[in-house]
Amino acid sequence: MEFNAATMLSIGQIIWIDLLLSGDNAVVIALACRSLPDNQRRIGIFLGASAAVILRILFALVITQLLAIPFLQALGAVLLLWIAIKLVSGEEEEEKSIKAADKLWAAVGTIAMADAVMSLDNVVAISAASHGNAWLFIFGLLLSVPLIIFGSTLVMGLISRFPIFVWAGAALLGWISGEMLAHDKALLDLVGYHPSGAAVYGFALTGAIFVVGLGYFLKMRASQAGHAG
């Protein structure tokens, strides 16, 4: 691979993309692993990061076919909303009855589902920045590994000290879901409306508010049911 100005620019773009987009995966991993026993959190982070990287590699192999599937982003957005609400609302009583090992694999499963949604955007962005250069593309995928692992550890530390970051993380996932809905061409063609500019941010903000609002409602209802029982 020749290191000229264009290559260095592409490397810079890929690093920036990874810094921005790997943070989403890190938030999901941190939220899903926060209730695991201390001795299993590192395992959960490692398995979650591994799932994210494997999914990105798989998506890289079939990216053009995936992008051609109608309503893929819309379906992914709905799935991400469900995951975000599930992560933020919590099921304390249910968690107490789950064995530690089961909780670990449940967390990994949640991470894998969310990564399957968000890794697609990451692969598309890295693919565009690498301009068909296979080595640059591989570099972008490999770089995401330490970023996700380090980011997950950092976010989990913040969550442990400041629980408000749980809600901030869920709001971020809702924001991403809203953006995905606003960019699904098949859905937009169906409804005959193509948002742009501020309207896209409106979709994203609506997604964030929806997750936090519904998550809070479900959490309060579960808490009241627990007290009543």
Protein backbone atom coordinates (compact mmCIF):
# COMPACT_ATOMS: atom_id res chain seq x y z
CA MET A 1 0.00 0.00 0.00
CA GLU A 2 1.46 3.35 -1.08
CA PHE A 3 1.42 6.07 1.58
CA ASN A 4 0.66 9.21 -0.41
CA ALA A 5 -1.43 12.23 0.52
CA ALA A 6 -4.67 10.59 -0.62
CA THR A 7 -3.96 7.46 1.42
CA MET A 8 -3.13 9.46 4.53
CA LEU A 9 -6.35 11.44 4.09
CA SER A 10 -8.34 8.20 3.82
CA ILE A 11 -6.63 6.85 6.96
CA GLY A 12 -7.55 10.03 8.82
CA GLN A 13 -11.15 9.74 7.66
CA ILE A 14 -11.36 6.09 8.72
CA ILE A 15 -9.94 6.86 12.18
CA TRP A 16 -12.49 9.65 12.61
CA ILE A 17 -15.34 7.41 11.46
CA ASP A 18 -14.29 4.67 13.88
CA LEU A 19 -14.04 7.14 16.76
CA LEU A 20 -17.56 8.40 16.04
CA LEU A 21 -19.36 5.18 15.20
CA SER A 22 -17.62 2.73 17.53
CA GLY A 23 -18.95 4.78 20.42
CA ASP A 24 -22.47 3.55 19.69
CA ASN A 25 -21.38 -0.06 20.03
CA ALA A 26 -19.48 0.78 23.20
CA VAL A 27 -22.62 2.28 24.75
CA VAL A 28 -24.69 -0.81 23.96
CA ILE A 29 -22.06 -3.14 25.42
CA ALA A 30 -21.75 -1.04 28.58
CA LEU A 31 -25.52 -0.89 29.10
CA ALA A 32 -25.99 -4.62 28.49
CA CYS A 33 -23.12 -5.62 30.80
CA ARG A 34 -23.76 -3.20 33.64
CA SER A 35 -25.78 -5.70 35.70
CA LEU A 36 -23.34 -8.59 35.29
CA PRO A 37 -21.23 -9.73 38.26
CA ASP A 38 -17.86 -7.97 38.43
CA ASN A 39 -15.97 -11.10 37.42
CA GLN A 40 -18.05 -11.44 34.23
CA ARG A 41 -18.05 -7.87 32.99
CA ARG A 42 -14.73 -8.13 31.19
CA ILE A 43 -15.86 -11.37 29.57
CA GLY A 44 -19.07 -9.68 28.46
CA ILE A 45 -17.16 -6.72 27.01
CA PHE A 46 -14.77 -9.00 25.14
CA LEU A 47 -17.55 -11.18 23.72
CA GLY A 48 -19.62 -8.14 22.81
CA ALA A 49 -16.72 -6.46 21.02
CA SER A 50 -15.93 -9.71 19.23
CA ALA A 51 -19.54 -9.98 18.06
CA ALA A 52 -19.40 -6.42 16.72
CA VAL A 53 -16.23 -7.08 14.74
CA ILE A 54 -17.45 -10.42 13.35
CA LEU A 55 -20.71 -8.83 12.22
CA ARG A 56 -18.81 -6.01 10.51
CA ILE A 57 -16.69 -8.51 8.62
CA LEU A 58 -19.79 -10.43 7.53
CA PHE A 59 -21.51 -7.23 6.44
CA ALA A 60 -18.38 -6.23 4.53
CA LEU A 61 -18.65 -9.41 2.46
CA VAL A 62 -22.28 -8.81 1.45
CA ILE A 63 -22.64 -5.05 1.81
CA THR A 64 -24.08 -4.34 -1.65
CA GLN A 65 -26.69 -7.08 -1.30
CA LEU A 66 -27.71 -5.84 2.15
CA LEU A 67 -28.10 -2.25 1.03
CA ALA A 68 -30.46 -3.40 -1.73
CA ILE A 69 -32.95 -4.93 0.72
CA PRO A 70 -36.04 -2.67 0.99
CA PHE A 71 -37.00 -1.44 4.47
CA LEU A 72 -33.81 -2.86 6.04
CA GLN A 73 -32.98 0.37 7.85
CA ALA A 74 -36.59 0.80 9.02
CA LEU A 75 -36.67 -2.71 10.47
CA GLY A 76 -33.30 -2.11 12.09
CA ALA A 77 -34.54 1.15 13.58
CA VAL A 78 -37.55 -0.56 15.19
CA LEU A 79 -35.32 -3.31 16.57
CA LEU A 80 -32.92 -0.73 18.00
CA LEU A 81 -35.79 1.12 19.68
CA TRP A 82 -36.88 -2.12 21.34
CA ILE A 83 -33.34 -2.88 22.51
CA ALA A 84 -32.87 0.64 23.90
CA ILE A 85 -36.16 0.53 25.84
CA LYS A 86 -35.33 -2.92 27.18
CA LEU A 87 -31.89 -1.77 28.35
CA VAL A 88 -33.09 1.37 30.08
CA SER A 89 -36.34 0.12 31.64
CA GLY A 90 -34.71 -2.88 33.33
CA GLU A 91 -36.34 -5.96 34.78
CA GLU A 92 -34.90 -6.15 38.28
CA GLU A 93 -37.12 -8.95 39.57
CA GLU A 94 -36.54 -11.04 36.46
CA GLU A 95 -32.78 -10.49 36.67
CA LYS A 96 -32.69 -11.83 40.25
CA SER A 97 -34.04 -15.16 39.08
CA ILE A 98 -31.49 -15.54 36.25
CA LYS A 99 -28.25 -17.36 36.94
CA ALA A 100 -25.02 -15.47 36.40
CA ALA A 101 -24.02 -17.55 33.37
CA ASP A 102 -27.44 -17.08 31.80
CA LYS A 103 -27.23 -13.34 32.37
CA LEU A 104 -23.86 -13.27 30.62
CA TRP A 105 -25.19 -14.93 27.48
CA ALA A 106 -28.37 -12.85 27.61
CA ALA A 107 -26.19 -9.73 27.64
CA VAL A 108 -24.10 -11.02 24.73
CA GLY A 109 -27.29 -11.78 22.79
CA THR A 110 -28.59 -8.25 23.34
CA ILE A 111 -25.25 -6.82 22.24
CA ALA A 112 -25.21 -8.97 19.11
CA MET A 113 -28.71 -7.82 18.09
CA ALA A 114 -27.84 -4.16 18.53
CA ASP A 115 -24.51 -4.57 16.75
CA ALA A 116 -26.27 -6.22 13.83
CA VAL A 117 -28.20 -2.98 13.41
CA MET A 118 -25.42 -0.45 14.00
CA SER A 119 -22.48 -2.23 12.39
CA LEU A 120 -24.05 -1.78 8.96
CA ASP A 121 -23.62 2.01 9.09
CA ASN A 122 -20.04 1.59 10.28
CA VAL A 123 -19.16 -0.75 7.41
CA VAL A 124 -20.79 1.52 4.83
CA ALA A 125 -18.87 4.55 6.14
CA ILE A 126 -15.51 2.75 6.25
CA SER A 127 -16.12 1.29 2.79
CA ALA A 128 -16.74 4.76 1.39
CA ALA A 129 -13.66 6.23 3.08
CA SER A 130 -11.37 3.42 1.87
CA HIS A 131 -12.33 4.03 -1.80
CA GLY A 132 -12.06 0.36 -2.72
CA ASN A 133 -8.66 -0.15 -1.04
CA ALA A 134 -8.90 -3.54 0.71
CA TRP A 135 -5.99 -2.78 3.07
CA LEU A 136 -7.58 0.46 4.25
CA PHE A 137 -10.88 -1.31 4.75
CA ILE A 138 -9.24 -4.03 6.86
CA PHE A 139 -7.39 -1.33 8.82
CA GLY A 140 -10.71 0.35 9.62
CA LEU A 141 -12.27 -2.89 10.84
CA LEU A 142 -9.27 -3.81 13.00
CA LEU A 143 -9.06 -0.31 14.50
CA SER A 144 -12.63 -0.59 15.75
CA VAL A 145 -11.71 -3.47 18.10
CA PRO A 146 -9.64 -1.55 20.69
CA LEU A 147 -11.93 1.47 20.36
CA ILE A 148 -15.01 -0.61 21.22
CA ILE A 149 -13.31 -2.43 24.11
CA PHE A 150 -11.77 0.73 25.59
CA GLY A 151 -14.94 2.73 25.00
CA SER A 152 -17.10 0.07 26.69
CA THR A 153 -14.87 0.05 29.76
CA LEU A 154 -14.93 3.84 29.94
CA VAL A 155 -18.71 4.09 29.55
CA MET A 156 -19.28 1.34 32.14
CA GLY A 157 -17.15 3.26 34.61
CA LEU A 158 -19.27 6.35 34.03
CA ILE A 159 -22.49 4.35 34.42
CA SER A 160 -21.28 2.89 37.72
CA ARG A 161 -20.57 6.36 39.12
CA PHE A 162 -23.34 8.32 37.39
CA PRO A 163 -26.55 6.32 36.67
CA ILE A 164 -27.82 9.22 34.52
CA PHE A 165 -25.51 7.92 31.79
CA VAL A 166 -27.79 4.87 31.45
CA TRP A 167 -30.54 7.19 30.27
CA ALA A 168 -28.13 9.19 28.13
CA GLY A 169 -27.00 5.97 26.45
CA ALA A 170 -30.57 4.87 25.80
CA ALA A 171 -31.37 8.31 24.38
CA LEU A 172 -28.39 7.96 22.03
CA LEU A 173 -29.73 4.64 20.73
CA GLY A 174 -33.15 6.24 20.22
CA TRP A 175 -31.49 9.11 18.33
CA ILE A 176 -29.71 6.65 16.02
CA SER A 177 -32.96 4.77 15.45
CA GLY A 178 -34.72 7.98 14.43
CA GLU A 179 -31.93 8.81 12.00
CA MET A 180 -32.16 5.34 10.47
CA LEU A 181 -35.89 5.77 9.87
CA ALA A 182 -35.25 9.13 8.23
CA HIS A 183 -32.79 7.55 5.78
CA ASP A 184 -34.68 4.42 4.72
CA LYS A 185 -35.35 5.15 1.05
CA ALA A 186 -37.94 2.40 0.57
CA LEU A 187 -39.99 3.61 3.54
CA LEU A 188 -39.73 7.25 2.49
CA ASP A 189 -40.81 6.41 -1.05
CA LEU A 190 -43.80 4.52 0.37
CA VAL A 191 -45.02 7.44 2.49
CA GLY A 192 -44.03 10.03 -0.10
CA TYR A 193 -41.97 12.15 2.29
CA HIS A 194 -38.20 12.62 2.23
CA PRO A 195 -36.97 14.62 5.25
CA SER A 196 -33.83 16.68 4.96
CA GLY A 197 -31.82 19.05 7.12
CA ALA A 198 -33.59 19.90 10.36
CA ALA A 199 -36.35 17.36 9.69
CA VAL A 200 -33.85 14.51 10.00
CA TYR A 201 -32.81 15.85 13.42
CA GLY A 202 -36.50 15.98 14.29
CA PHE A 203 -36.79 12.25 13.61
CA ALA A 204 -33.68 11.60 15.69
CA LEU A 205 -34.91 13.74 18.60
CA THR A 206 -38.30 12.03 18.51
CA GLY A 207 -36.58 8.65 18.75
CA ALA A 208 -34.55 9.76 21.77
CA ILE A 209 -37.58 11.21 23.57
CA PHE A 210 -39.66 8.12 22.80
CA VAL A 211 -37.07 5.75 24.28
CA VAL A 212 -36.56 7.77 27.45
CA GLY A 213 -40.28 8.41 27.95
CA LEU A 214 -41.46 4.85 27.37
CA GLY A 215 -38.48 3.41 29.25
CA TYR A 216 -39.27 5.59 32.28
CA PHE A 217 -42.96 4.65 32.15
CA LEU A 218 -42.20 0.92 32.00
CA LYS A 219 -39.65 1.19 34.78
CA MET A 220 -42.10 3.02 37.06
CA ARG A 221 -44.88 0.53 36.29
CA ALA A 222 -42.58 -2.41 37.08
CA SER A 223 -41.52 -0.72 40.32
CA GLN A 224 -45.14 -0.10 41.39
CA ALA A 225 -46.06 -3.70 40.55
CA GLY A 226 -43.16 -4.90 42.66
CA HIS A 227 -44.26 -2.82 45.64
CA ALA A 228 -47.86 -3.95 45.23
CA GLY A 229 -46.76 -7.60 45.17
